Amino acid sequence: MIAKGNVKLDNICICMIDEYRSGEKEAFDGHVQRIQDDGIHVCYLSGYKSRNDFVLWEDVIAKVDKRKARVTLEDRSFSGQFEVFDKEVV
């Protein structure tokens, strides 16, 4: 399953974000604030501050879905009930 078309406003998503614009992306969880054709805007907690960043669809890893079984995301420090997305973008 791909992220585009399956993510709605106010979903909680796990995304790969280049927080400091250093070229290194880390996984963060955040609320979807806006949806665009090429990605989403998410609000997430960075240290003690909230940030809002734009994330491309290929960097959206999963969204919280309480109906799914508990999983641990591969190579990520998140576990919970997620709908995990493929990397491909349509």
N, C-alpha and C. Protein backbone atom coordinates (compact mmCIF):
# COMPACT_ATOMS: atom_id res chain seq x y z
N MET A 1 0.84 -1.17 0.00
CA MET A 1 0.00 0.00 0.00
C MET A 1 0.89 1.24 0.00
N ILE A 2 0.45 2.28 -0.70
CA ILE A 2 1.21 3.52 -0.75
C ILE A 2 0.56 4.57 0.14
N ALA A 3 1.33 5.57 0.54
CA ALA A 3 0.85 6.60 1.46
C ALA A 3 -0.15 7.54 0.78
N LYS A 4 0.15 7.96 -0.45
CA LYS A 4 -0.70 8.93 -1.14
C LYS A 4 -2.10 8.34 -1.33
N GLY A 5 -3.10 9.06 -0.90
CA GLY A 5 -4.47 8.59 -0.99
C GLY A 5 -4.95 7.86 0.25
N ASN A 6 -4.04 7.44 1.11
CA ASN A 6 -4.40 6.73 2.34
C ASN A 6 -4.16 7.55 3.59
N VAL A 7 -3.57 8.72 3.45
CA VAL A 7 -3.31 9.61 4.57
C VAL A 7 -4.35 10.72 4.54
N LYS A 8 -4.94 10.99 5.69
CA LYS A 8 -5.97 12.02 5.84
C LYS A 8 -5.49 13.08 6.83
N LEU A 9 -6.17 14.22 6.83
CA LEU A 9 -5.85 15.28 7.79
C LEU A 9 -5.96 14.74 9.22
N ASP A 10 -5.05 15.17 10.07
CA ASP A 10 -4.98 14.82 11.49
C ASP A 10 -4.59 13.38 11.77
N ASN A 11 -4.23 12.59 10.73
CA ASN A 11 -3.64 11.28 10.98
C ASN A 11 -2.29 11.49 11.67
N ILE A 12 -1.88 10.52 12.45
CA ILE A 12 -0.53 10.54 13.01
C ILE A 12 0.32 9.65 12.11
N CYS A 13 1.37 10.22 11.54
CA CYS A 13 2.23 9.49 10.61
C CYS A 13 3.66 9.44 11.11
N ILE A 14 4.36 8.38 10.75
CA ILE A 14 5.79 8.26 10.98
C ILE A 14 6.46 8.66 9.67
N CYS A 15 7.35 9.66 9.74
CA CYS A 15 7.98 10.21 8.54
C CYS A 15 9.49 10.34 8.74
N MET A 16 10.21 10.25 7.65
CA MET A 16 11.65 10.51 7.65
C MET A 16 11.83 12.00 7.35
N ILE A 17 12.41 12.74 8.31
CA ILE A 17 12.52 14.19 8.21
C ILE A 17 13.97 14.62 8.40
N ASP A 18 14.41 15.52 7.54
CA ASP A 18 15.74 16.14 7.65
C ASP A 18 15.59 17.37 8.54
N GLU A 19 15.55 17.12 9.84
CA GLU A 19 15.22 18.14 10.83
C GLU A 19 16.15 19.36 10.78
N TYR A 20 17.44 19.16 10.64
CA TYR A 20 18.40 20.25 10.67
C TYR A 20 18.93 20.63 9.29
N ARG A 21 18.30 20.09 8.23
CA ARG A 21 18.72 20.36 6.84
C ARG A 21 20.18 20.00 6.62
N SER A 22 20.60 18.89 7.24
CA SER A 22 21.98 18.42 7.14
C SER A 22 22.14 17.30 6.12
N GLY A 23 21.03 16.82 5.55
CA GLY A 23 21.08 15.70 4.63
C GLY A 23 20.83 14.37 5.28
N GLU A 24 20.74 14.35 6.62
CA GLU A 24 20.48 13.11 7.35
C GLU A 24 19.05 13.12 7.87
N LYS A 25 18.28 12.13 7.45
CA LYS A 25 16.88 12.06 7.86
C LYS A 25 16.72 11.12 9.04
N GLU A 26 15.82 11.50 9.95
CA GLU A 26 15.48 10.68 11.11
C GLU A 26 13.97 10.47 11.14
N ALA A 27 13.53 9.42 11.81
CA ALA A 27 12.10 9.12 11.91
C ALA A 27 11.48 9.95 13.03
N PHE A 28 10.36 10.59 12.71
CA PHE A 28 9.57 11.35 13.67
C PHE A 28 8.11 10.99 13.49
N ASP A 29 7.34 11.12 14.57
CA ASP A 29 5.90 10.96 14.44
C ASP A 29 5.26 12.34 14.57
N GLY A 30 4.26 12.59 13.72
CA GLY A 30 3.61 13.89 13.75
C GLY A 30 2.21 13.85 13.18
N HIS A 31 1.46 14.91 13.46
CA HIS A 31 0.09 15.05 12.95
C HIS A 31 0.11 15.70 11.58
N VAL A 32 -0.70 15.18 10.68
CA VAL A 32 -0.81 15.73 9.33
C VAL A 32 -1.62 17.02 9.42
N GLN A 33 -1.02 18.11 8.95
CA GLN A 33 -1.67 19.42 8.97
C GLN A 33 -2.25 19.81 7.63
N ARG A 34 -1.59 19.38 6.55
CA ARG A 34 -2.04 19.72 5.20
C ARG A 34 -1.56 18.65 4.23
N ILE A 35 -2.37 18.38 3.21
CA ILE A 35 -2.04 17.37 2.20
C ILE A 35 -1.92 18.04 0.85
N GLN A 36 -0.84 17.74 0.14
CA GLN A 36 -0.60 18.27 -1.20
C GLN A 36 -0.36 17.11 -2.16
N ASP A 37 -0.29 17.40 -3.45
CA ASP A 37 -0.06 16.35 -4.45
C ASP A 37 1.28 15.66 -4.27
N ASP A 38 2.31 16.40 -3.83
CA ASP A 38 3.65 15.84 -3.72
C ASP A 38 4.07 15.45 -2.31
N GLY A 39 3.21 15.68 -1.30
CA GLY A 39 3.56 15.30 0.06
C GLY A 39 2.61 15.89 1.08
N ILE A 40 3.07 15.89 2.35
CA ILE A 40 2.24 16.38 3.45
C ILE A 40 3.04 17.33 4.33
N HIS A 41 2.32 18.17 5.06
CA HIS A 41 2.91 19.00 6.10
C HIS A 41 2.58 18.33 7.43
N VAL A 42 3.59 18.10 8.26
CA VAL A 42 3.37 17.47 9.55
C VAL A 42 3.89 18.36 10.67
N CYS A 43 3.19 18.33 11.79
CA CYS A 43 3.62 19.01 13.00
C CYS A 43 4.14 17.94 13.94
N TYR A 44 5.40 18.07 14.40
CA TYR A 44 6.02 17.04 15.24
C TYR A 44 6.84 17.69 16.34
N LEU A 45 7.17 16.93 17.35
CA LEU A 45 7.94 17.42 18.48
C LEU A 45 9.42 17.15 18.26
N SER A 46 10.22 18.22 18.35
CA SER A 46 11.68 18.14 18.20
C SER A 46 12.29 18.68 19.49
N GLY A 47 12.75 17.77 20.33
CA GLY A 47 13.23 18.20 21.65
C GLY A 47 12.05 18.71 22.45
N TYR A 48 12.08 19.97 22.83
CA TYR A 48 10.97 20.55 23.57
C TYR A 48 10.15 21.52 22.73
N LYS A 49 10.46 21.62 21.44
CA LYS A 49 9.75 22.53 20.54
C LYS A 49 8.96 21.75 19.49
N SER A 50 7.82 22.31 19.09
CA SER A 50 7.11 21.70 17.96
C SER A 50 7.59 22.35 16.68
N ARG A 51 7.65 21.54 15.64
CA ARG A 51 8.08 22.00 14.33
C ARG A 51 7.04 21.57 13.30
N ASN A 52 7.03 22.26 12.20
CA ASN A 52 6.16 21.90 11.08
C ASN A 52 7.05 21.82 9.85
N ASP A 53 7.05 20.68 9.18
CA ASP A 53 7.88 20.48 7.99
C ASP A 53 7.06 19.82 6.90
N PHE A 54 7.50 20.04 5.66
CA PHE A 54 6.92 19.38 4.51
C PHE A 54 7.66 18.07 4.29
N VAL A 55 6.91 16.98 4.03
CA VAL A 55 7.50 15.65 3.83
C VAL A 55 6.98 15.09 2.51
N LEU A 56 7.90 14.65 1.66
CA LEU A 56 7.51 14.01 0.40
C LEU A 56 6.84 12.67 0.68
N TRP A 57 5.99 12.24 -0.25
CA TRP A 57 5.27 10.97 -0.05
C TRP A 57 6.22 9.80 0.17
N GLU A 58 7.37 9.76 -0.52
CA GLU A 58 8.27 8.62 -0.36
C GLU A 58 8.91 8.56 1.03
N ASP A 59 8.82 9.66 1.80
CA ASP A 59 9.37 9.68 3.16
C ASP A 59 8.32 9.43 4.24
N VAL A 60 7.08 9.16 3.83
CA VAL A 60 6.03 8.80 4.79
C VAL A 60 6.11 7.28 4.96
N ILE A 61 6.47 6.83 6.15
CA ILE A 61 6.74 5.42 6.41
C ILE A 61 5.48 4.66 6.82
N ALA A 62 4.67 5.25 7.69
CA ALA A 62 3.50 4.56 8.23
C ALA A 62 2.53 5.57 8.84
N LYS A 63 1.32 5.09 9.12
CA LYS A 63 0.37 5.90 9.90
C LYS A 63 -0.21 5.03 11.00
N VAL A 64 -0.59 5.67 12.09
CA VAL A 64 -1.18 4.95 13.22
C VAL A 64 -2.56 4.45 12.81
N ASP A 65 -2.82 3.18 13.09
CA ASP A 65 -4.12 2.57 12.81
C ASP A 65 -4.39 1.57 13.92
N LYS A 66 -5.26 1.92 14.84
CA LYS A 66 -5.55 1.09 16.02
C LYS A 66 -6.21 -0.25 15.67
N ARG A 67 -6.65 -0.43 14.42
CA ARG A 67 -7.25 -1.70 14.01
C ARG A 67 -6.21 -2.73 13.58
N LYS A 68 -4.97 -2.30 13.38
CA LYS A 68 -3.89 -3.18 12.91
C LYS A 68 -3.20 -3.87 14.09
N ALA A 69 -2.50 -4.95 13.78
CA ALA A 69 -1.70 -5.65 14.79
C ALA A 69 -0.47 -4.82 15.14
N ARG A 70 0.05 -5.04 16.32
CA ARG A 70 1.24 -4.31 16.78
C ARG A 70 2.46 -4.78 16.00
N VAL A 71 3.26 -3.83 15.50
CA VAL A 71 4.47 -4.13 14.74
C VAL A 71 5.60 -3.21 15.20
N THR A 72 6.82 -3.62 14.90
CA THR A 72 7.99 -2.75 15.07
C THR A 72 8.47 -2.39 13.68
N LEU A 73 8.64 -1.11 13.43
CA LEU A 73 9.08 -0.67 12.11
C LEU A 73 10.54 -1.04 11.90
N GLU A 74 10.82 -1.61 10.74
CA GLU A 74 12.16 -2.08 10.40
C GLU A 74 13.15 -0.92 10.40
N ASP A 75 14.28 -1.07 11.09
CA ASP A 75 15.34 -0.06 11.18
C ASP A 75 14.83 1.26 11.75
N ARG A 76 13.77 1.24 12.49
CA ARG A 76 13.23 2.46 13.10
C ARG A 76 13.03 2.19 14.60
N SER A 77 12.93 3.24 15.35
CA SER A 77 12.75 3.07 16.79
C SER A 77 11.29 3.22 17.20
N PHE A 78 10.36 2.84 16.33
CA PHE A 78 8.94 2.92 16.62
C PHE A 78 8.30 1.54 16.61
N SER A 79 7.42 1.33 17.57
CA SER A 79 6.59 0.13 17.55
C SER A 79 5.19 0.55 17.97
N GLY A 80 4.21 -0.13 17.42
CA GLY A 80 2.82 0.20 17.71
C GLY A 80 1.91 -0.39 16.66
N GLN A 81 0.71 0.12 16.61
CA GLN A 81 -0.27 -0.36 15.64
C GLN A 81 -0.23 0.58 14.43
N PHE A 82 0.41 0.12 13.36
CA PHE A 82 0.64 0.95 12.18
C PHE A 82 0.15 0.30 10.91
N GLU A 83 -0.19 1.14 9.95
CA GLU A 83 -0.36 0.72 8.57
C GLU A 83 0.93 1.16 7.89
N VAL A 84 1.76 0.21 7.50
CA VAL A 84 3.08 0.50 6.92
C VAL A 84 2.93 0.68 5.41
N PHE A 85 3.60 1.70 4.87
CA PHE A 85 3.49 2.05 3.45
C PHE A 85 4.70 1.60 2.66
N ASP A 86 4.48 1.33 1.37
CA ASP A 86 5.55 1.05 0.42
C ASP A 86 6.23 2.37 0.06
N LYS A 87 7.41 2.27 -0.54
CA LYS A 87 8.15 3.47 -0.94
C LYS A 87 7.68 4.07 -2.25
N GLU A 88 6.98 3.29 -3.07
CA GLU A 88 6.62 3.79 -4.39
C GLU A 88 5.56 4.89 -4.31
N VAL A 89 5.64 5.82 -5.23
CA VAL A 89 4.70 6.94 -5.30
C VAL A 89 4.01 6.86 -6.66
N VAL A 90 2.69 6.98 -6.67
CA VAL A 90 1.93 6.94 -7.92
C VAL A 90 1.67 8.34 -8.41
